């Protein structure tokens, strides 16, 4: 990092007025039809996590949600004939691993995805040395959830992209990268594998050897078109060397609100392009039950039709293939229930037995033609067992607590109830 970049790091702010005053969301109310009636009790929409309406003391969930407090995604059975996300093969017909896709509907009427892809035939175990960012497209209405890989956006090392739209039309990407640094993180070089599975000798992120280590920096870049060209990435100031997992929403007045890993907090600013002056702050989590904390990593942030903020996080760690949901009316005070998982690892299939995923992470919500109605969820997933954490090293874990001998992964997209009415323009 340059001295100039370090000297411009923002100060921590805990002034709710300064934060919430940035957001002037002018979003019209246009509630979706309810499909699920809860058995719980509520007083207003907050009792339904703003994923439904409170009607005579019971939650009537919007189509994409279910449960007594509308706290769970209302998935429909996965149907391979409609596509299942991004499952690329190379020119030899061998599997190429990918991990989590941020999806937006483009002005061309096609759905665009930006995902992490592992090079040299490796899988998710080698993410920290082998990941690059690629662009993919779903443009066949008969297979709306089938994405075809296009070009490389950012070569190794680049990981966990999240993309938002600016009110002036730009596609704004936040991603983890070694851009501007001397070496690939962890070991300084990429590893190798075959058919999407890393070689057993490949180090994982517990076996880094660089000293001092290369930081896992977050940068922002933007483009006028989904396929680029992309602007020079700008460093997002952050504490320490950890990747921020930054996910952002940009308002009509060009202000920005971002959610990072819970231990890092949130960012906001009046101008999304003025990255060096983003203000970092810790949100108020006192209304989250039962333990007053956000759990996990890999946040996905969005704003619903009424202006309420929502975030979904992966449960955290290799042994947590599920996620949590939280909401906020001002971007500062957050609410949620950690006793309810918004998604889990068992996937019902239309034409086969249920799929039991060993990992289901990097959640991204896909929205319909109005830009606010959830129609699907994408995740980075692994199917092979085991792919988890172990309390102590065992054969196959390379002397670490990560046991994932078959680490082929792909980006899975599963539709939500109501998708047919809202997906295409």
Foldseek 3Di string as FASTA:
>chain_A
DDPVLVVLAADADDDLCVQLVLDDFDFADDAADFDEKAPAFDDFLVQLLVQATHDPGIGRGHQQFYYRSRWAGFFDFAEPQQPWAEFDADPVRFTWFWFAWAWAQAPVQKIKTKTWTFPQLAFDQQLQAGIFIWMWIQDDPSRNRHTDTDGTQGGPPKHLWHWEAALVQKTKIKIWHCVPHDARWQARHGAHDTRQHGDLVRHGNVRGDDVVTRARWIWMWIANDSVDDIDDTDTADFPDRHYFLWEWYAHNQQKIKIATPLVGAIWIDNHPVPRSHIHGYHAFQCQEPDPSGAAAGQKYWDAASVGKIKIKFQRHFLQGQFIGMWIGNRSGYIHGYPVDTRGGQWHHHPPDHIQGWQHWGNWYFYWFPVRHHTWKIKGKTHRDPDFGFAPFDDPQPNRHRGHDRGRRIYITITTTGPNVVTHTD
